[in-house]
Each structure stands twice: as structure tokens, then as C-alpha cells.
Amino acid sequence: MGRPPTYTYGPVRFWSGDIHSNQNSQQVADPYTFTHFTHGAVFYGLTRAALRSSPLGLRAIVTLTAEAAWEVFENTDMVIARYRATTISLGYYGDSVVNSVADILACVVGFVLAWRLPAPVTVLWIILVEVILALWIRDNLTLNVIMLLYPVRAIQTWQLGA
């Protein structure tokens, strides 16, 4: 799909905290990596409900496959254009391969955490991640989904700091 393997304008770094820089989604991890931990927890809950009698390994493979499919879909020209038009990610131009792989690994870690932790603890950390991201970068998984599916002008205005 033409995505660069790594950040093309400088060294590869583990972390890029500025979502408005051209390093966002190009370095190994960024604030959106936290949403992929949440993906893993959500997929754990969904596969547990839908595939209750299936082994954990199968549910993990389903999660890994779904997350990898999302990473491919997210990096299509159609979704990139949608992000640029309706979300805070005005300068988004897709993920580097290293960032996509790290996001998939974050999802797997979120899945494992949800499997190992009591459900109330998992729900609490998901809520905390969502609140912290909203306060920190004015975006999170919930807002991202809303803005991709049904953009709300008031949310976009708030996200842009107006």
C-alpha cells in the first residue's frame, strides 16, 4: 500500500508524543497506541461473548486477525481521507509499518491484560485511558469512532481547540 517501513524524515524513535507532528503514527508508539490496548480489551470481551466455548488461543487469533485487518483498512486512501476530513487528524497520511506492527502488538497486550485482570479493573483502565487521552490530546477511541462514522461539528471544534 506504499506505506514506509519507518519514519522517513529522521531516526526511528520509540515514542512520539506530539499528535500534530509528522512523526505521529510514524514512530513505534504515540498517544494513539493506548487506543490499541483498548482494542485488545474490547476484542477480548467480544470474543468471550461470541465464542464462549472456544479456546483462548482461537479468540486471540480472531483478535489478532481483526486488528491486523483494521490496520490495513485504516491505511487505505479512503480512510485516510476520512480522517483528514472529519477528525482531529488533519495531517494524517497513514501509519508506518513499524507503527502498525506496534499497534497490533499493543492490541495483543490489551487482550492479555483483559484476560488476566478482573473485569472491573479492565473497565476502569479503559475508562481512565479514554479520559486521559481526551484531556491530553482531545481525542480517544470513542471520539475517533464517532468522528469517523458520524462527524459532530461541536466535537471537531473542541478537538481543534476553538
N, C-alpha and C. Protein backbone atom coordinates (compact mmCIF):
# COMPACT_ATOMS: atom_id res chain seq x y z
N MET A 1 0.81 -1.20 0.00
CA MET A 1 0.00 0.00 0.00
C MET A 1 0.85 1.26 0.00
N GLY A 2 2.14 1.09 -0.16
CA GLY A 2 3.01 2.24 -0.26
C GLY A 2 3.39 2.90 1.05
N ARG A 3 3.10 2.27 2.17
CA ARG A 3 3.45 2.86 3.47
C ARG A 3 4.93 2.64 3.73
N PRO A 4 5.60 3.65 4.29
CA PRO A 4 7.03 3.49 4.57
C PRO A 4 7.23 2.51 5.73
N PRO A 5 8.33 1.77 5.70
CA PRO A 5 8.57 0.85 6.81
C PRO A 5 8.78 1.59 8.13
N THR A 6 9.46 2.74 8.08
CA THR A 6 9.74 3.53 9.27
C THR A 6 9.58 5.01 8.93
N TYR A 7 9.78 5.85 9.91
CA TYR A 7 9.74 7.30 9.72
C TYR A 7 10.80 7.69 8.70
N THR A 8 10.40 8.39 7.66
CA THR A 8 11.31 8.66 6.55
C THR A 8 12.12 9.94 6.68
N TYR A 9 11.82 10.79 7.67
CA TYR A 9 12.49 12.09 7.77
C TYR A 9 13.45 12.19 8.94
N GLY A 10 13.86 11.08 9.48
CA GLY A 10 14.78 11.13 10.61
C GLY A 10 14.90 9.77 11.26
N PRO A 11 15.47 9.76 12.45
CA PRO A 11 15.70 8.48 13.13
C PRO A 11 14.39 7.85 13.63
N VAL A 12 14.42 6.55 13.77
CA VAL A 12 13.29 5.84 14.36
C VAL A 12 13.38 6.01 15.87
N ARG A 13 12.28 6.41 16.46
CA ARG A 13 12.21 6.60 17.91
C ARG A 13 11.12 5.69 18.46
N PHE A 14 11.27 5.35 19.73
CA PHE A 14 10.23 4.54 20.36
C PHE A 14 8.95 5.34 20.55
N TRP A 15 9.06 6.63 20.87
CA TRP A 15 7.89 7.43 21.25
C TRP A 15 7.86 8.76 20.51
N SER A 16 6.67 9.13 20.07
CA SER A 16 6.40 10.46 19.54
C SER A 16 5.12 10.94 20.20
N GLY A 17 5.23 11.93 21.07
CA GLY A 17 4.07 12.37 21.84
C GLY A 17 3.26 13.49 21.23
N ASP A 18 3.73 14.09 20.16
CA ASP A 18 3.03 15.21 19.54
C ASP A 18 2.16 14.71 18.39
N ILE A 19 0.85 14.69 18.61
CA ILE A 19 -0.05 14.15 17.57
C ILE A 19 -0.16 15.08 16.37
N HIS A 20 0.35 16.30 16.49
CA HIS A 20 0.28 17.24 15.38
C HIS A 20 1.56 17.27 14.54
N SER A 21 2.54 16.45 14.89
CA SER A 21 3.79 16.44 14.14
C SER A 21 3.73 15.39 13.03
N ASN A 22 4.67 15.47 12.11
CA ASN A 22 4.70 14.49 11.04
C ASN A 22 5.25 13.15 11.51
N GLN A 23 5.60 13.06 12.79
CA GLN A 23 6.05 11.79 13.36
C GLN A 23 4.90 10.97 13.95
N ASN A 24 3.73 11.59 14.09
CA ASN A 24 2.58 10.87 14.61
C ASN A 24 2.25 9.71 13.68
N SER A 25 2.07 8.55 14.24
CA SER A 25 1.78 7.31 13.51
C SER A 25 2.94 6.86 12.62
N GLN A 26 4.11 7.44 12.83
CA GLN A 26 5.30 7.05 12.07
C GLN A 26 6.34 6.37 12.96
N GLN A 27 6.41 6.79 14.20
CA GLN A 27 7.35 6.18 15.13
C GLN A 27 6.72 4.93 15.73
N VAL A 28 7.46 4.22 16.56
CA VAL A 28 6.96 2.96 17.11
C VAL A 28 5.65 3.18 17.86
N ALA A 29 5.64 4.13 18.77
CA ALA A 29 4.45 4.37 19.59
C ALA A 29 4.14 5.85 19.65
N ASP A 30 2.87 6.15 19.90
CA ASP A 30 2.38 7.52 20.04
C ASP A 30 1.15 7.47 20.93
N PRO A 31 0.52 8.60 21.23
CA PRO A 31 -0.64 8.55 22.12
C PRO A 31 -1.75 7.61 21.63
N TYR A 32 -1.90 7.45 20.33
CA TYR A 32 -2.94 6.56 19.81
C TYR A 32 -2.64 5.09 20.07
N THR A 33 -1.40 4.77 20.43
CA THR A 33 -1.07 3.39 20.79
C THR A 33 -1.95 2.92 21.95
N PHE A 34 -2.26 3.84 22.87
CA PHE A 34 -3.10 3.48 24.01
C PHE A 34 -4.49 3.02 23.57
N THR A 35 -5.00 3.56 22.47
CA THR A 35 -6.31 3.10 21.99
C THR A 35 -6.25 1.66 21.51
N HIS A 36 -5.09 1.22 21.09
CA HIS A 36 -4.95 -0.17 20.62
C HIS A 36 -4.92 -1.15 21.78
N PHE A 37 -4.45 -0.73 22.96
CA PHE A 37 -4.60 -1.56 24.15
C PHE A 37 -6.10 -1.76 24.42
N THR A 38 -6.85 -0.68 24.25
CA THR A 38 -8.30 -0.75 24.43
C THR A 38 -8.93 -1.67 23.40
N HIS A 39 -8.48 -1.60 22.15
CA HIS A 39 -8.98 -2.53 21.12
C HIS A 39 -8.87 -3.96 21.63
N GLY A 40 -7.70 -4.29 22.18
CA GLY A 40 -7.47 -5.65 22.66
C GLY A 40 -8.44 -6.05 23.75
N ALA A 41 -8.71 -5.15 24.68
CA ALA A 41 -9.66 -5.45 25.76
C ALA A 41 -11.07 -5.61 25.21
N VAL A 42 -11.45 -4.74 24.28
CA VAL A 42 -12.78 -4.83 23.67
C VAL A 42 -12.92 -6.14 22.88
N PHE A 43 -11.88 -6.47 22.11
CA PHE A 43 -11.92 -7.72 21.35
C PHE A 43 -11.96 -8.93 22.29
N TYR A 44 -11.27 -8.84 23.41
CA TYR A 44 -11.34 -9.94 24.38
C TYR A 44 -12.80 -10.12 24.83
N GLY A 45 -13.45 -9.01 25.20
CA GLY A 45 -14.84 -9.10 25.65
C GLY A 45 -15.77 -9.61 24.55
N LEU A 46 -15.58 -9.11 23.34
CA LEU A 46 -16.44 -9.54 22.23
C LEU A 46 -16.24 -11.01 21.90
N THR A 47 -14.99 -11.45 21.85
CA THR A 47 -14.75 -12.87 21.52
C THR A 47 -15.16 -13.77 22.67
N ARG A 48 -15.06 -13.28 23.87
CA ARG A 48 -15.51 -14.09 25.01
C ARG A 48 -17.03 -14.28 24.93
N ALA A 49 -17.74 -13.22 24.55
CA ALA A 49 -19.20 -13.32 24.44
C ALA A 49 -19.62 -14.14 23.22
N ALA A 50 -18.97 -13.90 22.10
CA ALA A 50 -19.39 -14.56 20.85
C ALA A 50 -18.85 -15.97 20.70
N LEU A 51 -17.68 -16.21 21.25
CA LEU A 51 -17.03 -17.52 21.07
C LEU A 51 -16.77 -18.17 22.43
N ARG A 52 -17.77 -18.11 23.28
CA ARG A 52 -17.63 -18.50 24.69
C ARG A 52 -16.96 -19.86 24.87
N SER A 53 -17.34 -20.85 24.10
CA SER A 53 -16.80 -22.19 24.31
C SER A 53 -15.50 -22.43 23.54
N SER A 54 -15.07 -21.46 22.78
CA SER A 54 -13.83 -21.61 22.00
C SER A 54 -12.61 -21.42 22.89
N PRO A 55 -11.52 -22.07 22.54
CA PRO A 55 -10.29 -21.89 23.32
C PRO A 55 -9.78 -20.45 23.24
N LEU A 56 -9.07 -20.06 24.27
CA LEU A 56 -8.50 -18.71 24.34
C LEU A 56 -7.61 -18.44 23.13
N GLY A 57 -6.86 -19.43 22.71
CA GLY A 57 -5.96 -19.26 21.56
C GLY A 57 -6.71 -18.87 20.30
N LEU A 58 -7.85 -19.49 20.06
CA LEU A 58 -8.65 -19.15 18.89
C LEU A 58 -9.17 -17.72 19.00
N ARG A 59 -9.62 -17.35 20.20
CA ARG A 59 -10.11 -15.99 20.39
C ARG A 59 -8.99 -14.97 20.20
N ALA A 60 -7.78 -15.33 20.61
CA ALA A 60 -6.63 -14.45 20.42
C ALA A 60 -6.31 -14.31 18.92
N ILE A 61 -6.41 -15.40 18.18
CA ILE A 61 -6.16 -15.36 16.73
C ILE A 61 -7.21 -14.50 16.03
N VAL A 62 -8.45 -14.63 16.45
CA VAL A 62 -9.52 -13.80 15.88
C VAL A 62 -9.22 -12.32 16.16
N THR A 63 -8.80 -12.03 17.38
CA THR A 63 -8.46 -10.65 17.76
C THR A 63 -7.28 -10.13 16.93
N LEU A 64 -6.25 -10.92 16.83
CA LEU A 64 -5.07 -10.53 16.06
C LEU A 64 -5.43 -10.29 14.59
N THR A 65 -6.26 -11.16 14.05
CA THR A 65 -6.69 -11.02 12.65
C THR A 65 -7.53 -9.76 12.46
N ALA A 66 -8.46 -9.52 13.38
CA ALA A 66 -9.31 -8.33 13.28
C ALA A 66 -8.48 -7.05 13.40
N GLU A 67 -7.53 -7.03 14.31
CA GLU A 67 -6.69 -5.84 14.48
C GLU A 67 -5.80 -5.61 13.27
N ALA A 68 -5.23 -6.69 12.74
CA ALA A 68 -4.41 -6.56 11.53
C ALA A 68 -5.25 -6.06 10.36
N ALA A 69 -6.47 -6.58 10.25
CA ALA A 69 -7.37 -6.12 9.18
C ALA A 69 -7.69 -4.64 9.35
N TRP A 70 -7.91 -4.21 10.60
CA TRP A 70 -8.17 -2.79 10.84
C TRP A 70 -6.96 -1.96 10.42
N GLU A 71 -5.76 -2.39 10.75
CA GLU A 71 -4.56 -1.64 10.39
C GLU A 71 -4.45 -1.49 8.87
N VAL A 72 -4.79 -2.52 8.14
CA VAL A 72 -4.77 -2.43 6.67
C VAL A 72 -5.84 -1.46 6.21
N PHE A 73 -7.08 -1.62 6.71
CA PHE A 73 -8.19 -0.76 6.30
C PHE A 73 -7.92 0.69 6.67
N GLU A 74 -7.38 0.91 7.86
CA GLU A 74 -7.09 2.26 8.34
C GLU A 74 -6.10 2.99 7.42
N ASN A 75 -5.28 2.25 6.74
CA ASN A 75 -4.26 2.84 5.89
C ASN A 75 -4.65 2.88 4.42
N THR A 76 -5.93 2.67 4.13
CA THR A 76 -6.40 2.85 2.76
C THR A 76 -6.60 4.33 2.50
N ASP A 77 -6.52 4.71 1.25
CA ASP A 77 -6.72 6.12 0.89
C ASP A 77 -8.08 6.62 1.34
N MET A 78 -9.10 5.76 1.29
CA MET A 78 -10.45 6.16 1.69
C MET A 78 -10.50 6.56 3.17
N VAL A 79 -9.93 5.74 4.04
CA VAL A 79 -9.98 6.03 5.48
C VAL A 79 -9.07 7.21 5.82
N ILE A 80 -7.90 7.27 5.19
CA ILE A 80 -7.01 8.41 5.43
C ILE A 80 -7.72 9.71 5.07
N ALA A 81 -8.39 9.73 3.94
CA ALA A 81 -9.14 10.93 3.53
C ALA A 81 -10.24 11.25 4.53
N ARG A 82 -10.91 10.23 5.05
CA ARG A 82 -11.98 10.44 6.04
C ARG A 82 -11.40 11.03 7.32
N TYR A 83 -10.27 10.48 7.79
CA TYR A 83 -9.61 11.04 8.98
C TYR A 83 -9.30 12.52 8.77
N ARG A 84 -8.74 12.84 7.63
CA ARG A 84 -8.35 14.23 7.36
C ARG A 84 -9.55 15.15 7.28
N ALA A 85 -10.67 14.65 6.80
CA ALA A 85 -11.85 15.49 6.61
C ALA A 85 -12.68 15.67 7.88
N THR A 86 -12.70 14.65 8.75
CA THR A 86 -13.68 14.68 9.83
C THR A 86 -13.11 14.56 11.24
N THR A 87 -11.83 14.32 11.38
CA THR A 87 -11.28 14.13 12.72
C THR A 87 -10.21 15.16 13.00
N ILE A 88 -9.64 15.07 14.18
CA ILE A 88 -8.56 15.96 14.58
C ILE A 88 -7.29 15.70 13.78
N SER A 89 -7.22 14.55 13.11
CA SER A 89 -6.02 14.13 12.38
C SER A 89 -5.94 14.75 11.00
N LEU A 90 -5.92 16.08 10.95
CA LEU A 90 -5.94 16.79 9.68
C LEU A 90 -4.73 16.49 8.80
N GLY A 91 -3.58 16.26 9.41
CA GLY A 91 -2.37 15.99 8.64
C GLY A 91 -2.03 14.52 8.53
N TYR A 92 -2.95 13.66 8.92
CA TYR A 92 -2.69 12.22 8.90
C TYR A 92 -2.47 11.72 7.48
N TYR A 93 -1.42 10.95 7.27
CA TYR A 93 -1.17 10.39 5.95
C TYR A 93 -0.86 8.91 6.02
N GLY A 94 -1.33 8.25 7.05
CA GLY A 94 -1.16 6.81 7.19
C GLY A 94 -0.06 6.46 8.18
N ASP A 95 -0.06 5.21 8.56
CA ASP A 95 0.92 4.70 9.53
C ASP A 95 2.15 4.16 8.81
N SER A 96 3.28 4.24 9.49
CA SER A 96 4.44 3.49 9.01
C SER A 96 4.20 2.02 9.36
N VAL A 97 4.92 1.15 8.73
CA VAL A 97 4.77 -0.28 9.00
C VAL A 97 5.14 -0.58 10.45
N VAL A 98 6.21 0.03 10.95
CA VAL A 98 6.63 -0.21 12.33
C VAL A 98 5.55 0.24 13.31
N ASN A 99 4.87 1.34 13.02
CA ASN A 99 3.78 1.81 13.87
C ASN A 99 2.60 0.85 13.82
N SER A 100 2.26 0.36 12.64
CA SER A 100 1.16 -0.59 12.53
C SER A 100 1.45 -1.88 13.29
N VAL A 101 2.67 -2.37 13.18
CA VAL A 101 3.05 -3.59 13.92
C VAL A 101 2.98 -3.34 15.42
N ALA A 102 3.47 -2.19 15.87
CA ALA A 102 3.40 -1.86 17.29
C ALA A 102 1.95 -1.74 17.76
N ASP A 103 1.08 -1.19 16.93
CA ASP A 103 -0.34 -1.09 17.29
C ASP A 103 -0.97 -2.48 17.42
N ILE A 104 -0.61 -3.38 16.54
CA ILE A 104 -1.12 -4.76 16.63
C ILE A 104 -0.62 -5.42 17.92
N LEU A 105 0.66 -5.22 18.24
CA LEU A 105 1.20 -5.78 19.48
C LEU A 105 0.52 -5.17 20.70
N ALA A 106 0.22 -3.86 20.66
CA ALA A 106 -0.50 -3.22 21.77
C ALA A 106 -1.87 -3.85 21.94
N CYS A 107 -2.53 -4.16 20.84
CA CYS A 107 -3.83 -4.83 20.90
C CYS A 107 -3.71 -6.18 21.59
N VAL A 108 -2.68 -6.94 21.23
CA VAL A 108 -2.46 -8.25 21.85
C VAL A 108 -2.21 -8.10 23.35
N VAL A 109 -1.42 -7.10 23.74
CA VAL A 109 -1.18 -6.85 25.17
C VAL A 109 -2.50 -6.50 25.87
N GLY A 110 -3.33 -5.67 25.24
CA GLY A 110 -4.63 -5.33 25.82
C GLY A 110 -5.52 -6.56 25.98
N PHE A 111 -5.48 -7.46 25.00
CA PHE A 111 -6.23 -8.72 25.07
C PHE A 111 -5.76 -9.54 26.28
N VAL A 112 -4.45 -9.68 26.42
CA VAL A 112 -3.89 -10.47 27.52
C VAL A 112 -4.23 -9.83 28.87
N LEU A 113 -4.11 -8.50 28.95
CA LEU A 113 -4.47 -7.83 30.20
C LEU A 113 -5.93 -8.07 30.56
N ALA A 114 -6.81 -7.96 29.57
CA ALA A 114 -8.24 -8.18 29.83
C ALA A 114 -8.51 -9.62 30.26
N TRP A 115 -7.75 -10.55 29.71
CA TRP A 115 -7.90 -11.96 30.09
C TRP A 115 -7.44 -12.19 31.52
N ARG A 116 -6.35 -11.54 31.92
CA ARG A 116 -5.75 -11.79 33.23
C ARG A 116 -6.35 -10.96 34.36
N LEU A 117 -6.83 -9.75 34.04
CA LEU A 117 -7.33 -8.86 35.09
C LEU A 117 -8.82 -9.09 35.33
N PRO A 118 -9.27 -8.80 36.53
CA PRO A 118 -10.72 -8.86 36.78
C PRO A 118 -11.44 -7.85 35.88
N ALA A 119 -12.64 -8.20 35.46
CA ALA A 119 -13.41 -7.34 34.56
C ALA A 119 -13.55 -5.91 35.08
N PRO A 120 -13.86 -5.68 36.35
CA PRO A 120 -13.98 -4.29 36.81
C PRO A 120 -12.67 -3.49 36.66
N VAL A 121 -11.55 -4.13 36.83
CA VAL A 121 -10.26 -3.45 36.67
C VAL A 121 -10.06 -3.10 35.20
N THR A 122 -10.41 -4.02 34.31
CA THR A 122 -10.29 -3.76 32.87
C THR A 122 -11.18 -2.59 32.47
N VAL A 123 -12.41 -2.59 32.92
CA VAL A 123 -13.33 -1.50 32.60
C VAL A 123 -12.78 -0.18 33.15
N LEU A 124 -12.23 -0.21 34.35
CA LEU A 124 -11.67 1.01 34.95
C LEU A 124 -10.50 1.54 34.13
N TRP A 125 -9.57 0.66 33.69
CA TRP A 125 -8.44 1.19 32.92
C TRP A 125 -8.86 1.67 31.55
N ILE A 126 -9.87 1.07 30.97
CA ILE A 126 -10.38 1.58 29.69
C ILE A 126 -10.94 2.99 29.87
N ILE A 127 -11.75 3.18 30.91
CA ILE A 127 -12.32 4.50 31.19
C ILE A 127 -11.21 5.51 31.47
N LEU A 128 -10.22 5.13 32.26
CA LEU A 128 -9.11 6.04 32.56
C LEU A 128 -8.33 6.41 31.30
N VAL A 129 -8.07 5.45 30.45
CA VAL A 129 -7.35 5.75 29.20
C VAL A 129 -8.17 6.72 28.35
N GLU A 130 -9.46 6.49 28.24
CA GLU A 130 -10.31 7.36 27.44
C GLU A 130 -10.32 8.79 28.00
N VAL A 131 -10.45 8.92 29.31
CA VAL A 131 -10.49 10.25 29.93
C VAL A 131 -9.13 10.94 29.80
N ILE A 132 -8.05 10.22 30.09
CA ILE A 132 -6.72 10.82 30.00
C ILE A 132 -6.42 11.27 28.57
N LEU A 133 -6.73 10.44 27.58
CA LEU A 133 -6.49 10.82 26.19
C LEU A 133 -7.35 12.03 25.79
N ALA A 134 -8.60 12.06 26.24
CA ALA A 134 -9.46 13.20 25.91
C ALA A 134 -8.88 14.49 26.47
N LEU A 135 -8.38 14.45 27.69
CA LEU A 135 -7.80 15.64 28.30
C LEU A 135 -6.44 15.99 27.70
N TRP A 136 -5.67 14.99 27.35
CA TRP A 136 -4.30 15.18 26.87
C TRP A 136 -4.25 15.60 25.40
N ILE A 137 -4.90 14.82 24.53
CA ILE A 137 -4.79 15.08 23.09
C ILE A 137 -6.14 15.44 22.45
N ARG A 138 -7.17 15.58 23.27
CA ARG A 138 -8.51 15.89 22.77
C ARG A 138 -9.02 14.84 21.78
N ASP A 139 -8.63 13.61 22.00
CA ASP A 139 -9.07 12.51 21.17
C ASP A 139 -8.93 11.22 21.97
N ASN A 140 -9.69 10.23 21.61
CA ASN A 140 -9.59 8.90 22.20
C ASN A 140 -10.35 7.94 21.29
N LEU A 141 -10.45 6.70 21.68
CA LEU A 141 -11.11 5.72 20.82
C LEU A 141 -12.58 6.06 20.58
N THR A 142 -13.28 6.45 21.62
CA THR A 142 -14.70 6.78 21.48
C THR A 142 -14.90 7.95 20.51
N LEU A 143 -14.15 9.03 20.72
CA LEU A 143 -14.28 10.19 19.84
C LEU A 143 -13.86 9.85 18.41
N ASN A 144 -12.84 9.03 18.28
CA ASN A 144 -12.36 8.64 16.97
C ASN A 144 -13.44 7.89 16.20
N VAL A 145 -14.11 6.97 16.85
CA VAL A 145 -15.18 6.20 16.21
C VAL A 145 -16.34 7.12 15.84
N ILE A 146 -16.74 7.96 16.77
CA ILE A 146 -17.84 8.89 16.49
C ILE A 146 -17.51 9.75 15.28
N MET A 147 -16.32 10.32 15.27
CA MET A 147 -15.96 11.25 14.20
C MET A 147 -15.77 10.55 12.85
N LEU A 148 -15.39 9.30 12.87
CA LEU A 148 -15.28 8.56 11.61
C LEU A 148 -16.65 8.19 11.05
N LEU A 149 -17.56 7.77 11.94
CA LEU A 149 -18.87 7.29 11.49
C LEU A 149 -19.90 8.39 11.31
N TYR A 150 -19.93 9.32 12.24
CA TYR A 150 -20.93 10.38 12.19
C TYR A 150 -20.33 11.66 12.78
N PRO A 151 -19.58 12.40 11.98
CA PRO A 151 -18.88 13.59 12.49
C PRO A 151 -19.83 14.59 13.15
N VAL A 152 -19.40 15.10 14.28
CA VAL A 152 -20.16 16.10 15.03
C VAL A 152 -19.33 17.38 15.05
N ARG A 153 -19.89 18.44 14.53
CA ARG A 153 -19.18 19.71 14.41
C ARG A 153 -18.68 20.20 15.76
N ALA A 154 -19.48 20.07 16.80
CA ALA A 154 -19.08 20.54 18.14
C ALA A 154 -17.85 19.79 18.64
N ILE A 155 -17.78 18.49 18.39
CA ILE A 155 -16.60 17.72 18.80
C ILE A 155 -15.38 18.18 18.01
N GLN A 156 -15.54 18.36 16.70
CA GLN A 156 -14.42 18.78 15.86
C GLN A 156 -13.90 20.15 16.31
N THR A 157 -14.80 21.06 16.61
CA THR A 157 -14.42 22.39 17.08
C THR A 157 -13.65 22.29 18.38
N TRP A 158 -14.14 21.49 19.32
CA TRP A 158 -13.45 21.30 20.60
C TRP A 158 -12.07 20.67 20.37
N GLN A 159 -12.01 19.64 19.51
CA GLN A 159 -10.74 18.97 19.25
C GLN A 159 -9.69 19.92 18.67
N LEU A 160 -10.15 20.85 17.86
CA LEU A 160 -9.22 21.79 17.24
C LEU A 160 -8.85 22.93 18.17
N GLY A 161 -9.41 22.91 19.39
CA GLY A 161 -9.03 23.90 20.40
C GLY A 161 -9.75 25.21 20.32
N ALA A 162 -10.81 25.24 19.55
CA ALA A 162 -11.56 26.51 19.40
C ALA A 162 -12.64 26.64 20.46
